[in-house]
């Protein structure tokens, strides 16, 4: 008997210092597909609904672990796919083979939307990579003010 694919829908507003103006998206993601990308994405720009297909690219998914797939989704920067893997059971504190966390990758990519999603799913804002670099230090070094502030708000007082 074949396993049923996990399908997650997710709505988010995107945009940051490095991204185009905010847009509202809804995506449907099949997490069993070999190449992950939203199957259908509705985009609203300036309040006008538009339908768009946004390929994200693929990787050899499902063969190692959910956590590895989550890290790859964070690297691709697609919040809907990140959400789908979190919903499927990936850890928000997932680490790659070199000790970098999903949160480190999201900060390195400058993706506030992904960072906020990971934090909402319990990612540790004070986490350090294998070299001892915290996500806050990474954000400060890259001069990512909005991300730095979001991380500071999540650190214990």
C-alpha atoms as a PDB file:
ATOM      1  CA  UNK A   1       0.000   0.000   0.000  1.00  0.00           C
ATOM      2  CA  UNK A   2       1.372   3.402  -0.960  1.00  0.00           C
ATOM      3  CA  UNK A   3       1.725   6.104   1.657  1.00  0.00           C
ATOM      4  CA  UNK A   4      -0.575   9.062   1.227  1.00  0.00           C
ATOM      5  CA  UNK A   5       1.267  12.263   0.405  1.00  0.00           C
ATOM      6  CA  UNK A   6       1.279  14.928   3.048  1.00  0.00           C
ATOM      7  CA  UNK A   7      -0.306  18.032   1.628  1.00  0.00           C
ATOM      8  CA  UNK A   8      -0.105  21.283   3.519  1.00  0.00           C
ATOM      9  CA  UNK A   9      -1.568  24.616   2.639  1.00  0.00           C
ATOM     10  CA  UNK A  10      -0.097  27.759   4.068  1.00  0.00           C
ATOM     11  CA  UNK A  11      -0.766  31.461   3.759  1.00  0.00           C
ATOM     12  CA  UNK A  12       1.868  34.097   4.415  1.00  0.00           C
ATOM     13  CA  UNK A  13       2.931  37.601   3.588  1.00  0.00           C
ATOM     14  CA  UNK A  14       6.432  37.826   2.224  1.00  0.00           C
ATOM     15  CA  UNK A  15       8.953  40.552   1.789  1.00  0.00           C
ATOM     16  CA  UNK A  16      12.097  41.853   3.398  1.00  0.00           C
ATOM     17  CA  UNK A  17      14.986  44.178   2.761  1.00  0.00           C
ATOM     18  CA  UNK A  18      16.186  41.857  -0.015  1.00  0.00           C
ATOM     19  CA  UNK A  19      12.812  40.838  -1.424  1.00  0.00           C
ATOM     20  CA  UNK A  20      10.176  42.451  -3.629  1.00  0.00           C
ATOM     21  CA  UNK A  21       7.228  44.258  -2.032  1.00  0.00           C
ATOM     22  CA  UNK A  22       5.002  42.220   0.263  1.00  0.00           C
ATOM     23  CA  UNK A  23       2.576  39.872  -1.367  1.00  0.00           C
ATOM     24  CA  UNK A  24       0.097  37.464   0.105  1.00  0.00           C
ATOM     25  CA  UNK A  25       0.473  33.870  -1.004  1.00  0.00           C
ATOM     26  CA  UNK A  26      -1.337  30.614  -0.568  1.00  0.00           C
ATOM     27  CA  UNK A  27       0.467  27.463  -1.629  1.00  0.00           C
ATOM     28  CA  UNK A  28      -0.390  23.788  -1.797  1.00  0.00           C
ATOM     29  CA  UNK A  29       2.650  21.524  -1.341  1.00  0.00           C
ATOM     30  CA  UNK A  30       2.935  17.785  -1.937  1.00  0.00           C
ATOM     31  CA  UNK A  31       5.773  16.666   0.332  1.00  0.00           C
ATOM     32  CA  UNK A  32       6.044  13.275  -1.380  1.00  0.00           C
ATOM     33  CA  UNK A  33       7.085  14.732  -4.742  1.00  0.00           C
ATOM     34  CA  UNK A  34      10.724  14.225  -5.708  1.00  0.00           C
ATOM     35  CA  UNK A  35      11.107  17.872  -6.737  1.00  0.00           C
ATOM     36  CA  UNK A  36       9.444  20.138  -4.217  1.00  0.00           C
ATOM     37  CA  UNK A  37       7.660  23.243  -5.329  1.00  0.00           C
ATOM     38  CA  UNK A  38       4.242  24.721  -4.728  1.00  0.00           C
ATOM     39  CA  UNK A  39       1.759  22.985  -6.998  1.00  0.00           C
ATOM     40  CA  UNK A  40      -0.498  26.000  -7.014  1.00  0.00           C
ATOM     41  CA  UNK A  41       0.203  29.460  -5.754  1.00  0.00           C
ATOM     42  CA  UNK A  42      -2.221  32.371  -5.592  1.00  0.00           C
ATOM     43  CA  UNK A  43      -0.500  35.725  -5.417  1.00  0.00           C
ATOM     44  CA  UNK A  44      -2.051  39.084  -4.515  1.00  0.00           C
ATOM     45  CA  UNK A  45      -0.141  42.155  -5.644  1.00  0.00           C
ATOM     46  CA  UNK A  46      -1.542  45.504  -4.594  1.00  0.00           C
ATOM     47  CA  UNK A  47      -4.769  43.757  -3.618  1.00  0.00           C
ATOM     48  CA  UNK A  48      -5.340  42.193  -7.038  1.00  0.00           C
ATOM     49  CA  UNK A  49      -5.436  38.376  -7.113  1.00  0.00           C
ATOM     50  CA  UNK A  50      -3.193  36.728  -9.664  1.00  0.00           C
ATOM     51  CA  UNK A  51      -2.349  33.082 -10.238  1.00  0.00           C
ATOM     52  CA  UNK A  52       1.336  32.216 -10.507  1.00  0.00           C
ATOM     53  CA  UNK A  53       3.447  29.079 -10.648  1.00  0.00           C
ATOM     54  CA  UNK A  54       6.731  29.528  -8.804  1.00  0.00           C
ATOM     55  CA  UNK A  55       9.179  26.660  -9.272  1.00  0.00           C
ATOM     56  CA  UNK A  56      11.621  26.439  -6.396  1.00  0.00           C
ATOM     57  CA  UNK A  57      13.876  23.703  -7.711  1.00  0.00           C
ATOM     58  CA  UNK A  58      14.372  20.233  -6.412  1.00  0.00           C
ATOM     59  CA  UNK A  59      16.674  17.962  -4.512  1.00  0.00           C
ATOM     60  CA  UNK A  60      16.742  14.272  -3.788  1.00  0.00           C
ATOM     61  CA  UNK A  61      14.056  14.453  -1.148  1.00  0.00           C
ATOM     62  CA  UNK A  62      12.754  11.880   1.245  1.00  0.00           C
ATOM     63  CA  UNK A  63      15.819   9.665   1.152  1.00  0.00           C
ATOM     64  CA  UNK A  64      17.711  10.863   4.212  1.00  0.00           C
ATOM     65  CA  UNK A  65      15.504  12.672   6.729  1.00  0.00           C
ATOM     66  CA  UNK A  66      12.764  15.229   7.198  1.00  0.00           C
ATOM     67  CA  UNK A  67      15.273  17.504   8.916  1.00  0.00           C
ATOM     68  CA  UNK A  68      17.547  17.478   5.852  1.00  0.00           C
ATOM     69  CA  UNK A  69      14.555  18.240   3.647  1.00  0.00           C
ATOM     70  CA  UNK A  70      13.640  21.133   5.958  1.00  0.00           C
ATOM     71  CA  UNK A  71      17.166  22.564   5.684  1.00  0.00           C
ATOM     72  CA  UNK A  72      16.981  22.327   1.872  1.00  0.00           C
ATOM     73  CA  UNK A  73      13.577  24.050   1.872  1.00  0.00           C
ATOM     74  CA  UNK A  74      15.017  26.854   4.031  1.00  0.00           C
ATOM     75  CA  UNK A  75      17.930  27.208   1.590  1.00  0.00           C
ATOM     76  CA  UNK A  76      15.424  27.518  -1.273  1.00  0.00           C
ATOM     77  CA  UNK A  77      13.596  30.205   0.714  1.00  0.00           C
ATOM     78  CA  UNK A  78      10.046  29.000   0.124  1.00  0.00           C
ATOM     79  CA  UNK A  79       8.049  29.493   3.318  1.00  0.00           C
ATOM     80  CA  UNK A  80       5.232  27.182   2.164  1.00  0.00           C
ATOM     81  CA  UNK A  81       7.619  24.263   1.743  1.00  0.00           C
ATOM     82  CA  UNK A  82       9.285  24.997   5.086  1.00  0.00           C
ATOM     83  CA  UNK A  83       5.839  24.999   6.684  1.00  0.00           C
ATOM     84  CA  UNK A  84       4.952  21.690   5.000  1.00  0.00           C
ATOM     85  CA  UNK A  85       8.046  19.948   6.387  1.00  0.00           C
ATOM     86  CA  UNK A  86       7.450  21.387   9.860  1.00  0.00           C
ATOM     87  CA  UNK A  87       3.853  20.132   9.683  1.00  0.00           C
ATOM     88  CA  UNK A  88       5.157  16.735   8.613  1.00  0.00           C
ATOM     89  CA  UNK A  89       7.363  16.506  11.719  1.00  0.00           C
ATOM     90  CA  UNK A  90      10.741  18.066  10.911  1.00  0.00           C
ATOM     91  CA  UNK A  91      12.468  19.762  13.841  1.00  0.00           C
ATOM     92  CA  UNK A  92      12.596  23.564  13.782  1.00  0.00           C
ATOM     93  CA  UNK A  93      16.089  23.117  15.288  1.00  0.00           C
ATOM     94  CA  UNK A  94      17.266  20.810  12.482  1.00  0.00           C
ATOM     95  CA  UNK A  95      21.022  20.819  11.793  1.00  0.00           C
ATOM     96  CA  UNK A  96      22.905  20.091   8.602  1.00  0.00           C
ATOM     97  CA  UNK A  97      25.936  17.784   8.432  1.00  0.00           C
ATOM     98  CA  UNK A  98      28.269  20.676   9.354  1.00  0.00           C
ATOM     99  CA  UNK A  99      26.273  21.834  12.385  1.00  0.00           C
ATOM    100  CA  UNK A 100      24.399  24.739  10.782  1.00  0.00           C
ATOM    101  CA  UNK A 101      20.782  25.003  11.879  1.00  0.00           C
ATOM    102  CA  UNK A 102      17.707  25.784   9.815  1.00  0.00           C
ATOM    103  CA  UNK A 103      17.658  29.152  11.582  1.00  0.00           C
ATOM    104  CA  UNK A 104      21.281  29.849  10.562  1.00  0.00           C
ATOM    105  CA  UNK A 105      20.386  29.134   6.941  1.00  0.00           C
ATOM    106  CA  UNK A 106      17.306  31.374   7.106  1.00  0.00           C
ATOM    107  CA  UNK A 107      19.370  34.233   8.564  1.00  0.00           C
ATOM    108  CA  UNK A 108      22.118  33.695   5.966  1.00  0.00           C
ATOM    109  CA  UNK A 109      19.478  33.974   3.232  1.00  0.00           C
ATOM    110  CA  UNK A 110      17.907  37.047   4.864  1.00  0.00           C
ATOM    111  CA  UNK A 111      14.465  35.414   5.005  1.00  0.00           C
ATOM    112  CA  UNK A 112      12.528  37.033   7.841  1.00  0.00           C
ATOM    113  CA  UNK A 113       9.359  35.130   6.894  1.00  0.00           C
ATOM    114  CA  UNK A 114      11.151  31.777   7.258  1.00  0.00           C
ATOM    115  CA  UNK A 115      12.863  32.913  10.477  1.00  0.00           C
ATOM    116  CA  UNK A 116       9.534  33.897  12.031  1.00  0.00           C
ATOM    117  CA  UNK A 117       7.989  30.570  10.996  1.00  0.00           C
ATOM    118  CA  UNK A 118      10.870  28.572  12.503  1.00  0.00           C
ATOM    119  CA  UNK A 119      10.705  30.603  15.724  1.00  0.00           C
ATOM    120  CA  UNK A 120       6.936  30.092  15.905  1.00  0.00           C
ATOM    121  CA  UNK A 121       7.595  26.336  15.696  1.00  0.00           C
ATOM    122  CA  UNK A 122      10.022  26.440  18.618  1.00  0.00           C
ATOM    123  CA  UNK A 123      13.423  27.086  17.025  1.00  0.00           C
ATOM    124  CA  UNK A 124      15.987  28.231  19.601  1.00  0.00           C
ATOM    125  CA  UNK A 125      16.865  31.894  18.921  1.00  0.00           C
ATOM    126  CA  UNK A 126      20.065  31.501  20.948  1.00  0.00           C
ATOM    127  CA  UNK A 127      21.392  28.516  19.011  1.00  0.00           C
ATOM    128  CA  UNK A 128      25.016  28.366  17.845  1.00  0.00           C
ATOM    129  CA  UNK A 129      26.477  26.475  14.913  1.00  0.00           C
ATOM    130  CA  UNK A 130      29.406  24.039  15.178  1.00  0.00           C
ATOM    131  CA  UNK A 131      31.867  26.968  15.016  1.00  0.00           C
ATOM    132  CA  UNK A 132      30.152  28.737  17.948  1.00  0.00           C
ATOM    133  CA  UNK A 133      28.464  31.461  15.873  1.00  0.00           C
ATOM    134  CA  UNK A 134      24.968  32.377  17.056  1.00  0.00           C
ATOM    135  CA  UNK A 135      22.197  33.346  14.683  1.00  0.00           C
ATOM    136  CA  UNK A 136      22.150  36.792  16.290  1.00  0.00           C
ATOM    137  CA  UNK A 137      25.879  37.253  15.590  1.00  0.00           C
ATOM    138  CA  UNK A 138      25.305  36.178  11.990  1.00  0.00           C
ATOM    139  CA  UNK A 139      22.457  38.689  11.556  1.00  0.00           C
ATOM    140  CA  UNK A 140      24.523  41.494  13.127  1.00  0.00           C
ATOM    141  CA  UNK A 141      27.545  40.713  10.942  1.00  0.00           C
ATOM    142  CA  UNK A 142      25.379  40.873   7.819  1.00  0.00           C
ATOM    143  CA  UNK A 143      23.719  44.077   9.044  1.00  0.00           C
ATOM    144  CA  UNK A 144      20.218  42.623   8.872  1.00  0.00           C
ATOM    145  CA  UNK A 145      18.512  45.077  11.217  1.00  0.00           C
ATOM    146  CA  UNK A 146      14.945  43.768  11.040  1.00  0.00           C
ATOM    147  CA  UNK A 147      16.127  40.176  11.497  1.00  0.00           C
ATOM    148  CA  UNK A 148      18.469  41.171  14.336  1.00  0.00           C
ATOM    149  CA  UNK A 149      15.576  42.815  16.172  1.00  0.00           C
ATOM    150  CA  UNK A 150      13.276  39.825  15.619  1.00  0.00           C
ATOM    151  CA  UNK A 151      15.919  37.513  17.099  1.00  0.00           C
ATOM    152  CA  UNK A 152      16.598  39.815  20.071  1.00  0.00           C
ATOM    153  CA  UNK A 153      12.892  39.822  20.922  1.00  0.00           C
ATOM    154  CA  UNK A 154      12.970  36.002  21.114  1.00  0.00           C
ATOM    155  CA  UNK A 155      16.077  35.702  23.319  1.00  0.00           C
ATOM    156  CA  UNK A 156      15.602  35.165  27.053  1.00  0.00           C
ATOM    157  CA  UNK A 157      15.899  38.376  29.077  1.00  0.00           C
END
